[in-house]
Amino acid sequence: MDWVSVAGLVAAFCTTVSFVPQALKTIRTKDTSSISLAMYSLFTFGTLTWFLYGVYTKNLPVSLANAVTFLLSATILFYKIKNGSKDKKAMS
C-alpha cells in the first residue's frame, strides 16, 4: 500500500470517527434540538453521494469512510426528523 492510500485511510478514519460522539449522544439522549435539519439533510445526502462515487471509482478510503459516516449521519438525521415537533416545543 502506498503512502497516498495510507493518508487517505487515516483521513477517512479521522473524519468518520469524529461523528461517533454526536451519534452516541443523540441515540442516548434523543435530544436533537440544537442540530440543524438542513445541515444534516445536506450532509447525509453528500456522504451518500461520496460513497457512491467511491464505489464507482473503486476508491476504498472514500467508500469506507463515507459508508460509515452516512450510517452515523443518517442515524442523527432520523432522530432529528422523528423529534422535529418535540424540538419546536422545547424551544417555545
PDB file of N, CA and C in Angstrom:
ATOM      1  N   MET A   1       0.852  -1.176   0.000  1.00  0.00           N
ATOM      2  CA  MET A   1       0.000   0.000   0.000  1.00  0.00           C
ATOM      3  C   MET A   1       0.897   1.238   0.000  1.00  0.00           C
ATOM      4  N   ASP A   2       0.622   2.182  -0.893  1.00  0.00           N
ATOM      5  CA  ASP A   2       1.450   3.382  -0.988  1.00  0.00           C
ATOM      6  C   ASP A   2       1.022   4.429   0.043  1.00  0.00           C
ATOM      7  N   TRP A   3       1.837   5.465   0.192  1.00  0.00           N
ATOM      8  CA  TRP A   3       1.589   6.473   1.225  1.00  0.00           C
ATOM      9  C   TRP A   3       0.310   7.261   0.962  1.00  0.00           C
ATOM     10  N   VAL A   4      -0.076   7.414  -0.292  1.00  0.00           N
ATOM     11  CA  VAL A   4      -1.300   8.150  -0.603  1.00  0.00           C
ATOM     12  C   VAL A   4      -2.520   7.386  -0.088  1.00  0.00           C
ATOM     13  N   SER A   5      -2.510   6.077  -0.269  1.00  0.00           N
ATOM     14  CA  SER A   5      -3.605   5.252   0.246  1.00  0.00           C
ATOM     15  C   SER A   5      -3.643   5.284   1.762  1.00  0.00           C
ATOM     16  N   VAL A   6      -2.479   5.223   2.382  1.00  0.00           N
ATOM     17  CA  VAL A   6      -2.411   5.285   3.848  1.00  0.00           C
ATOM     18  C   VAL A   6      -2.938   6.635   4.328  1.00  0.00           C
ATOM     19  N   ALA A   7      -2.530   7.710   3.674  1.00  0.00           N
ATOM     20  CA  ALA A   7      -3.008   9.045   4.050  1.00  0.00           C
ATOM     21  C   ALA A   7      -4.525   9.123   3.890  1.00  0.00           C
ATOM     22  N   GLY A   8      -5.049   8.554   2.825  1.00  0.00           N
ATOM     23  CA  GLY A   8      -6.489   8.543   2.611  1.00  0.00           C
ATOM     24  C   GLY A   8      -7.221   7.771   3.685  1.00  0.00           C
ATOM     25  N   LEU A   9      -6.676   6.625   4.063  1.00  0.00           N
ATOM     26  CA  LEU A   9      -7.303   5.823   5.117  1.00  0.00           C
ATOM     27  C   LEU A   9      -7.253   6.529   6.467  1.00  0.00           C
ATOM     28  N   VAL A  10      -6.138   7.189   6.771  1.00  0.00           N
ATOM     29  CA  VAL A  10      -6.027   7.934   8.033  1.00  0.00           C
ATOM     30  C   VAL A  10      -7.026   9.090   8.047  1.00  0.00           C
ATOM     31  N   ALA A  11      -7.106   9.832   6.946  1.00  0.00           N
ATOM     32  CA  ALA A  11      -8.056  10.947   6.854  1.00  0.00           C
ATOM     33  C   ALA A  11      -9.491  10.429   6.977  1.00  0.00           C
ATOM     34  N   ALA A  12      -9.773   9.340   6.294  1.00  0.00           N
ATOM     35  CA  ALA A  12     -11.107   8.747   6.345  1.00  0.00           C
ATOM     36  C   ALA A  12     -11.451   8.319   7.774  1.00  0.00           C
ATOM     37  N   PHE A  13     -10.511   7.705   8.443  1.00  0.00           N
ATOM     38  CA  PHE A  13     -10.724   7.272   9.821  1.00  0.00           C
ATOM     39  C   PHE A  13     -11.034   8.460  10.725  1.00  0.00           C
ATOM     40  N   CYS A  14     -10.224   9.509  10.623  1.00  0.00           N
ATOM     41  CA  CYS A  14     -10.406  10.674  11.495  1.00  0.00           C
ATOM     42  C   CYS A  14     -11.749  11.362  11.265  1.00  0.00           C
ATOM     43  N   THR A  15     -12.109  11.593  10.022  1.00  0.00           N
ATOM     44  CA  THR A  15     -13.363  12.298   9.760  1.00  0.00           C
ATOM     45  C   THR A  15     -14.579  11.442  10.095  1.00  0.00           C
ATOM     46  N   THR A  16     -14.443  10.149   9.932  1.00  0.00           N
ATOM     47  CA  THR A  16     -15.557   9.256  10.250  1.00  0.00           C
ATOM     48  C   THR A  16     -15.732   9.117  11.756  1.00  0.00           C
ATOM     49  N   VAL A  17     -14.655   8.888  12.470  1.00  0.00           N
ATOM     50  CA  VAL A  17     -14.724   8.704  13.922  1.00  0.00           C
ATOM     51  C   VAL A  17     -15.211   9.970  14.616  1.00  0.00           C
ATOM     52  N   SER A  18     -15.007  11.125  13.993  1.00  0.00           N
ATOM     53  CA  SER A  18     -15.456  12.374  14.614  1.00  0.00           C
ATOM     54  C   SER A  18     -16.970  12.422  14.782  1.00  0.00           C
ATOM     55  N   PHE A  19     -17.711  11.625  14.031  1.00  0.00           N
ATOM     56  CA  PHE A  19     -19.165  11.598  14.144  1.00  0.00           C
ATOM     57  C   PHE A  19     -19.666  10.665  15.241  1.00  0.00           C
ATOM     58  N   VAL A  20     -18.848   9.796  15.722  1.00  0.00           N
ATOM     59  CA  VAL A  20     -19.291   8.811  16.716  1.00  0.00           C
ATOM     60  C   VAL A  20     -19.812   9.475  17.985  1.00  0.00           C
ATOM     61  N   PRO A  21     -19.106  10.445  18.582  1.00  0.00           N
ATOM     62  CA  PRO A  21     -19.640  11.044  19.821  1.00  0.00           C
ATOM     63  C   PRO A  21     -21.020  11.684  19.638  1.00  0.00           C
ATOM     64  N   GLN A  22     -21.225  12.396  18.525  1.00  0.00           N
ATOM     65  CA  GLN A  22     -22.528  13.028  18.294  1.00  0.00           C
ATOM     66  C   GLN A  22     -23.614  11.980  18.098  1.00  0.00           C
ATOM     67  N   ALA A  23     -23.309  10.943  17.339  1.00  0.00           N
ATOM     68  CA  ALA A  23     -24.296   9.886  17.110  1.00  0.00           C
ATOM     69  C   ALA A  23     -24.653   9.195  18.423  1.00  0.00           C
ATOM     70  N   LEU A  24     -23.655   8.874  19.226  1.00  0.00           N
ATOM     71  CA  LEU A  24     -23.925   8.216  20.513  1.00  0.00           C
ATOM     72  C   LEU A  24     -24.728   9.111  21.437  1.00  0.00           C
ATOM     73  N   LYS A  25     -24.381  10.396  21.489  1.00  0.00           N
ATOM     74  CA  LYS A  25     -25.124  11.329  22.342  1.00  0.00           C
ATOM     75  C   LYS A  25     -26.569  11.453  21.873  1.00  0.00           C
ATOM     76  N   THR A  26     -26.771  11.536  20.571  1.00  0.00           N
ATOM     77  CA  THR A  26     -28.124  11.658  20.034  1.00  0.00           C
ATOM     78  C   THR A  26     -28.941  10.406  20.318  1.00  0.00           C
ATOM     79  N   ILE A  27     -28.345   9.248  20.144  1.00  0.00           N
ATOM     80  CA  ILE A  27     -29.045   7.993  20.416  1.00  0.00           C
ATOM     81  C   ILE A  27     -29.383   7.879  21.898  1.00  0.00           C
ATOM     82  N   ARG A  28     -28.426   8.255  22.748  1.00  0.00           N
ATOM     83  CA  ARG A  28     -28.610   8.128  24.198  1.00  0.00           C
ATOM     84  C   ARG A  28     -29.640   9.131  24.734  1.00  0.00           C
ATOM     85  N   THR A  29     -29.544  10.391  24.313  1.00  0.00           N
ATOM     86  CA  THR A  29     -30.401  11.427  24.888  1.00  0.00           C
ATOM     87  C   THR A  29     -31.659  11.710  24.074  1.00  0.00           C
ATOM     88  N   LYS A  30     -31.648  11.337  22.813  1.00  0.00           N
ATOM     89  CA  LYS A  30     -32.744  11.635  21.881  1.00  0.00           C
ATOM     90  C   LYS A  30     -32.932  13.144  21.680  1.00  0.00           C
ATOM     91  N   ASP A  31     -31.990  13.951  22.137  1.00  0.00           N
ATOM     92  CA  ASP A  31     -32.071  15.404  22.028  1.00  0.00           C
ATOM     93  C   ASP A  31     -31.434  15.865  20.721  1.00  0.00           C
ATOM     94  N   THR A  32     -32.235  16.442  19.864  1.00  0.00           N
ATOM     95  CA  THR A  32     -31.745  16.951  18.581  1.00  0.00           C
ATOM     96  C   THR A  32     -32.071  18.431  18.412  1.00  0.00           C
ATOM     97  N   SER A  33     -32.432  19.100  19.490  1.00  0.00           N
ATOM     98  CA  SER A  33     -32.894  20.487  19.401  1.00  0.00           C
ATOM     99  C   SER A  33     -31.829  21.442  18.869  1.00  0.00           C
ATOM    100  N   SER A  34     -30.562  21.152  19.091  1.00  0.00           N
ATOM    101  CA  SER A  34     -29.512  22.064  18.626  1.00  0.00           C
ATOM    102  C   SER A  34     -28.899  21.635  17.293  1.00  0.00           C
ATOM    103  N   ILE A  35     -29.501  20.666  16.644  1.00  0.00           N
ATOM    104  CA  ILE A  35     -28.982  20.159  15.376  1.00  0.00           C
ATOM    105  C   ILE A  35     -29.806  20.736  14.232  1.00  0.00           C
ATOM    106  N   SER A  36     -29.126  21.215  13.210  1.00  0.00           N
ATOM    107  CA  SER A  36     -29.789  21.803  12.050  1.00  0.00           C
ATOM    108  C   SER A  36     -30.286  20.706  11.103  1.00  0.00           C
ATOM    109  N   LEU A  37     -31.589  20.710  10.845  1.00  0.00           N
ATOM    110  CA  LEU A  37     -32.171  19.744   9.921  1.00  0.00           C
ATOM    111  C   LEU A  37     -31.613  19.938   8.513  1.00  0.00           C
ATOM    112  N   ALA A  38     -31.507  21.176   8.072  1.00  0.00           N
ATOM    113  CA  ALA A  38     -30.989  21.451   6.720  1.00  0.00           C
ATOM    114  C   ALA A  38     -29.545  20.964   6.589  1.00  0.00           C
ATOM    115  N   MET A  39     -28.722  21.248   7.581  1.00  0.00           N
ATOM    116  CA  MET A  39     -27.319  20.844   7.520  1.00  0.00           C
ATOM    117  C   MET A  39     -27.190  19.328   7.486  1.00  0.00           C
ATOM    118  N   TYR A  40     -27.887  18.640   8.367  1.00  0.00           N
ATOM    119  CA  TYR A  40     -27.763  17.173   8.404  1.00  0.00           C
ATOM    120  C   TYR A  40     -28.393  16.517   7.188  1.00  0.00           C
ATOM    121  N   SER A  41     -29.435  17.117   6.625  1.00  0.00           N
ATOM    122  CA  SER A  41     -30.014  16.579   5.385  1.00  0.00           C
ATOM    123  C   SER A  41     -29.008  16.676   4.247  1.00  0.00           C
ATOM    124  N   LEU A  42     -28.420  17.843   4.076  1.00  0.00           N
ATOM    125  CA  LEU A  42     -27.425  18.029   3.019  1.00  0.00           C
ATOM    126  C   LEU A  42     -26.187  17.175   3.250  1.00  0.00           C
ATOM    127  N   PHE A  43     -25.722  17.137   4.489  1.00  0.00           N
ATOM    128  CA  PHE A  43     -24.524  16.359   4.796  1.00  0.00           C
ATOM    129  C   PHE A  43     -24.754  14.869   4.544  1.00  0.00           C
ATOM    130  N   THR A  44     -25.891  14.361   4.979  1.00  0.00           N
ATOM    131  CA  THR A  44     -26.197  12.942   4.789  1.00  0.00           C
ATOM    132  C   THR A  44     -26.286  12.603   3.304  1.00  0.00           C
ATOM    133  N   PHE A  45     -26.944  13.449   2.541  1.00  0.00           N
ATOM    134  CA  PHE A  45     -27.012  13.241   1.096  1.00  0.00           C
ATOM    135  C   PHE A  45     -25.612  13.311   0.483  1.00  0.00           C
ATOM    136  N   GLY A  46     -24.803  14.247   0.952  1.00  0.00           N
ATOM    137  CA  GLY A  46     -23.436  14.370   0.455  1.00  0.00           C
ATOM    138  C   GLY A  46     -22.593  13.137   0.733  1.00  0.00           C
ATOM    139  N   THR A  47     -22.712  12.578   1.934  1.00  0.00           N
ATOM    140  CA  THR A  47     -21.937  11.372   2.242  1.00  0.00           C
ATOM    141  C   THR A  47     -22.415  10.180   1.425  1.00  0.00           C
ATOM    142  N   LEU A  48     -23.711  10.110   1.166  1.00  0.00           N
ATOM    143  CA  LEU A  48     -24.220   9.048   0.302  1.00  0.00           C
ATOM    144  C   LEU A  48     -23.639   9.197  -1.108  1.00  0.00           C
ATOM    145  N   THR A  49     -23.609  10.415  -1.600  1.00  0.00           N
ATOM    146  CA  THR A  49     -23.061  10.676  -2.929  1.00  0.00           C
ATOM    147  C   THR A  49     -21.569  10.363  -2.988  1.00  0.00           C
ATOM    148  N   TRP A  50     -20.813  10.754  -1.958  1.00  0.00           N
ATOM    149  CA  TRP A  50     -19.388  10.423  -1.901  1.00  0.00           C
ATOM    150  C   TRP A  50     -19.181   8.908  -1.850  1.00  0.00           C
ATOM    151  N   PHE A  51     -20.028   8.212  -1.093  1.00  0.00           N
ATOM    152  CA  PHE A  51     -19.935   6.755  -1.042  1.00  0.00           C
ATOM    153  C   PHE A  51     -20.110   6.156  -2.431  1.00  0.00           C
ATOM    154  N   LEU A  52     -21.149   6.593  -3.136  1.00  0.00           N
ATOM    155  CA  LEU A  52     -21.393   6.085  -4.489  1.00  0.00           C
ATOM    156  C   LEU A  52     -20.235   6.419  -5.422  1.00  0.00           C
ATOM    157  N   TYR A  53     -19.683   7.604  -5.282  1.00  0.00           N
ATOM    158  CA  TYR A  53     -18.510   7.993  -6.066  1.00  0.00           C
ATOM    159  C   TYR A  53     -17.332   7.059  -5.762  1.00  0.00           C
ATOM    160  N   GLY A  54     -17.105   6.789  -4.495  1.00  0.00           N
ATOM    161  CA  GLY A  54     -16.007   5.906  -4.096  1.00  0.00           C
ATOM    162  C   GLY A  54     -16.168   4.499  -4.633  1.00  0.00           C
ATOM    163  N   VAL A  55     -17.394   3.993  -4.613  1.00  0.00           N
ATOM    164  CA  VAL A  55     -17.676   2.662  -5.164  1.00  0.00           C
ATOM    165  C   VAL A  55     -17.416   2.669  -6.668  1.00  0.00           C
ATOM    166  N   TYR A  56     -17.934   3.676  -7.344  1.00  0.00           N
ATOM    167  CA  TYR A  56     -17.792   3.754  -8.805  1.00  0.00           C
ATOM    168  C   TYR A  56     -16.323   3.861  -9.225  1.00  0.00           C
ATOM    169  N   THR A  57     -15.536   4.633  -8.467  1.00  0.00           N
ATOM    170  CA  THR A  57     -14.125   4.829  -8.817  1.00  0.00           C
ATOM    171  C   THR A  57     -13.207   3.792  -8.172  1.00  0.00           C
ATOM    172  N   LYS A  58     -13.813   2.870  -7.416  1.00  0.00           N
ATOM    173  CA  LYS A  58     -13.059   1.831  -6.711  1.00  0.00           C
ATOM    174  C   LYS A  58     -12.015   2.426  -5.755  1.00  0.00           C
ATOM    175  N   ASN A  59     -12.438   3.469  -5.045  1.00  0.00           N
ATOM    176  CA  ASN A  59     -11.575   4.152  -4.090  1.00  0.00           C
ATOM    177  C   ASN A  59     -11.964   3.694  -2.689  1.00  0.00           C
ATOM    178  N   LEU A  60     -11.177   2.787  -2.134  1.00  0.00           N
ATOM    179  CA  LEU A  60     -11.507   2.175  -0.845  1.00  0.00           C
ATOM    180  C   LEU A  60     -11.636   3.187   0.290  1.00  0.00           C
ATOM    181  N   PRO A  61     -10.681   4.113   0.490  1.00  0.00           N
ATOM    182  CA  PRO A  61     -10.844   5.061   1.608  1.00  0.00           C
ATOM    183  C   PRO A  61     -12.124   5.894   1.494  1.00  0.00           C
ATOM    184  N   VAL A  62     -12.433   6.367   0.307  1.00  0.00           N
ATOM    185  CA  VAL A  62     -13.642   7.173   0.119  1.00  0.00           C
ATOM    186  C   VAL A  62     -14.888   6.323   0.361  1.00  0.00           C
ATOM    187  N   SER A  63     -14.902   5.117  -0.155  1.00  0.00           N
ATOM    188  CA  SER A  63     -16.055   4.227   0.021  1.00  0.00           C
ATOM    189  C   SER A  63     -16.284   3.880   1.486  1.00  0.00           C
ATOM    190  N   LEU A  64     -15.243   3.431   2.159  1.00  0.00           N
ATOM    191  CA  LEU A  64     -15.390   3.018   3.554  1.00  0.00           C
ATOM    192  C   LEU A  64     -15.786   4.170   4.461  1.00  0.00           C
ATOM    193  N   ALA A  65     -15.064   5.268   4.336  1.00  0.00           N
ATOM    194  CA  ALA A  65     -15.334   6.402   5.220  1.00  0.00           C
ATOM    195  C   ALA A  65     -16.758   6.903   5.043  1.00  0.00           C
ATOM    196  N   ASN A  66     -17.183   7.024   3.815  1.00  0.00           N
ATOM    197  CA  ASN A  66     -18.500   7.589   3.580  1.00  0.00           C
ATOM    198  C   ASN A  66     -19.621   6.609   3.845  1.00  0.00           C
ATOM    199  N   ALA A  67     -19.369   5.323   3.747  1.00  0.00           N
ATOM    200  CA  ALA A  67     -20.384   4.337   4.137  1.00  0.00           C
ATOM    201  C   ALA A  67     -20.667   4.450   5.631  1.00  0.00           C
ATOM    202  N   VAL A  68     -19.607   4.492   6.427  1.00  0.00           N
ATOM    203  CA  VAL A  68     -19.774   4.576   7.880  1.00  0.00           C
ATOM    204  C   VAL A  68     -20.332   5.937   8.275  1.00  0.00           C
ATOM    205  N   THR A  69     -19.789   7.011   7.690  1.00  0.00           N
ATOM    206  CA  THR A  69     -20.263   8.348   8.020  1.00  0.00           C
ATOM    207  C   THR A  69     -21.718   8.522   7.615  1.00  0.00           C
ATOM    208  N   PHE A  70     -22.103   7.948   6.484  1.00  0.00           N
ATOM    209  CA  PHE A  70     -23.509   8.008   6.070  1.00  0.00           C
ATOM    210  C   PHE A  70     -24.399   7.346   7.115  1.00  0.00           C
ATOM    211  N   LEU A  71     -24.012   6.182   7.589  1.00  0.00           N
ATOM    212  CA  LEU A  71     -24.830   5.493   8.594  1.00  0.00           C
ATOM    213  C   LEU A  71     -24.956   6.316   9.872  1.00  0.00           C
ATOM    214  N   LEU A  72     -23.847   6.907  10.310  1.00  0.00           N
ATOM    215  CA  LEU A  72     -23.882   7.727  11.526  1.00  0.00           C
ATOM    216  C   LEU A  72     -24.726   8.984  11.325  1.00  0.00           C
ATOM    217  N   SER A  73     -24.507   9.682  10.225  1.00  0.00           N
ATOM    218  CA  SER A  73     -25.262  10.918   9.998  1.00  0.00           C
ATOM    219  C   SER A  73     -26.734  10.619   9.712  1.00  0.00           C
ATOM    220  N   ALA A  74     -27.022   9.502   9.046  1.00  0.00           N
ATOM    221  CA  ALA A  74     -28.414   9.124   8.804  1.00  0.00           C
ATOM    222  C   ALA A  74     -29.127   8.801  10.124  1.00  0.00           C
ATOM    223  N   THR A  75     -28.409   8.229  11.063  1.00  0.00           N
ATOM    224  CA  THR A  75     -28.984   7.950  12.385  1.00  0.00           C
ATOM    225  C   THR A  75     -29.353   9.253  13.080  1.00  0.00           C
ATOM    226  N   ILE A  76     -28.429  10.220  13.056  1.00  0.00           N
ATOM    227  CA  ILE A  76     -28.701  11.518  13.665  1.00  0.00           C
ATOM    228  C   ILE A  76     -29.871  12.194  12.948  1.00  0.00           C
ATOM    229  N   LEU A  77     -29.869  12.149  11.628  1.00  0.00           N
ATOM    230  CA  LEU A  77     -30.948  12.745  10.844  1.00  0.00           C
ATOM    231  C   LEU A  77     -32.295  12.082  11.152  1.00  0.00           C
ATOM    232  N   PHE A  78     -32.303  10.768  11.302  1.00  0.00           N
ATOM    233  CA  PHE A  78     -33.519  10.045  11.664  1.00  0.00           C
ATOM    234  C   PHE A  78     -34.103  10.590  12.959  1.00  0.00           C
ATOM    235  N   TYR A  79     -33.255  10.737  13.975  1.00  0.00           N
ATOM    236  CA  TYR A  79     -33.741  11.254  15.254  1.00  0.00           C
ATOM    237  C   TYR A  79     -34.183  12.703  15.132  1.00  0.00           C
ATOM    238  N   LYS A  80     -33.487  13.484  14.323  1.00  0.00           N
ATOM    239  CA  LYS A  80     -33.881  14.879  14.133  1.00  0.00           C
ATOM    240  C   LYS A  80     -35.263  14.958  13.513  1.00  0.00           C
ATOM    241  N   ILE A  81     -35.502  14.168  12.488  1.00  0.00           N
ATOM    242  CA  ILE A  81     -36.817  14.175  11.835  1.00  0.00           C
ATOM    243  C   ILE A  81     -37.884  13.625  12.781  1.00  0.00           C
ATOM    244  N   LYS A  82     -37.572  12.544  13.470  1.00  0.00           N
ATOM    245  CA  LYS A  82     -38.518  11.940  14.411  1.00  0.00           C
ATOM    246  C   LYS A  82     -38.879  12.902  15.537  1.00  0.00           C
ATOM    247  N   ASN A  83     -37.915  13.676  16.006  1.00  0.00           N
ATOM    248  CA  ASN A  83     -38.134  14.583  17.132  1.00  0.00           C
ATOM    249  C   ASN A  83     -38.465  16.001  16.699  1.00  0.00           C
ATOM    250  N   GLY A  84     -38.722  16.219  15.421  1.00  0.00           N
ATOM    251  CA  GLY A  84     -38.925  17.565  14.900  1.00  0.00           C
ATOM    252  C   GLY A  84     -39.932  18.391  15.661  1.00  0.00           C
ATOM    253  N   SER A  85     -41.098  17.861  15.891  1.00  0.00           N
ATOM    254  CA  SER A  85     -42.124  18.627  16.597  1.00  0.00           C
ATOM    255  C   SER A  85     -41.770  18.804  18.081  1.00  0.00           C
ATOM    256  N   LYS A  86     -41.099  17.815  18.653  1.00  0.00           N
ATOM    257  CA  LYS A  86     -40.681  17.930  20.055  1.00  0.00           C
ATOM    258  C   LYS A  86     -39.633  19.029  20.207  1.00  0.00           C
ATOM    259  N   ASP A  87     -38.714  19.128  19.211  1.00  0.00           N
ATOM    260  CA  ASP A  87     -37.686  20.164  19.248  1.00  0.00           C
ATOM    261  C   ASP A  87     -38.320  21.555  19.239  1.00  0.00           C
ATOM    262  N   LYS A  88     -39.354  21.750  18.424  1.00  0.00           N
ATOM    263  CA  LYS A  88     -40.025  23.043  18.333  1.00  0.00           C
ATOM    264  C   LYS A  88     -40.708  23.398  19.653  1.00  0.00           C
ATOM    265  N   LYS A  89     -41.313  22.408  20.298  1.00  0.00           N
ATOM    266  CA  LYS A  89     -41.979  22.647  21.583  1.00  0.00           C
ATOM    267  C   LYS A  89     -40.976  22.980  22.663  1.00  0.00           C
ATOM    268  N   ALA A  90     -39.810  22.336  22.625  1.00  0.00           N
ATOM    269  CA  ALA A  90     -38.784  22.568  23.615  1.00  0.00           C
ATOM    270  C   ALA A  90     -38.235  23.988  23.525  1.00  0.00           C
ATOM    271  N   MET A  91     -38.253  24.556  22.318  1.00  0.00           N
ATOM    272  CA  MET A  91     -37.709  25.897  22.118  1.00  0.00           C
ATOM    273  C   MET A  91     -38.724  26.981  22.498  1.00  0.00           C
ATOM    274  N   SER A  92     -39.990  26.618  22.634  1.00  0.00           N
ATOM    275  CA  SER A  92     -41.045  27.601  22.946  1.00  0.00           C
ATOM    276  C   SER A  92     -41.014  27.994  24.400  1.00  0.00           C
TER     277      SER A  92
END
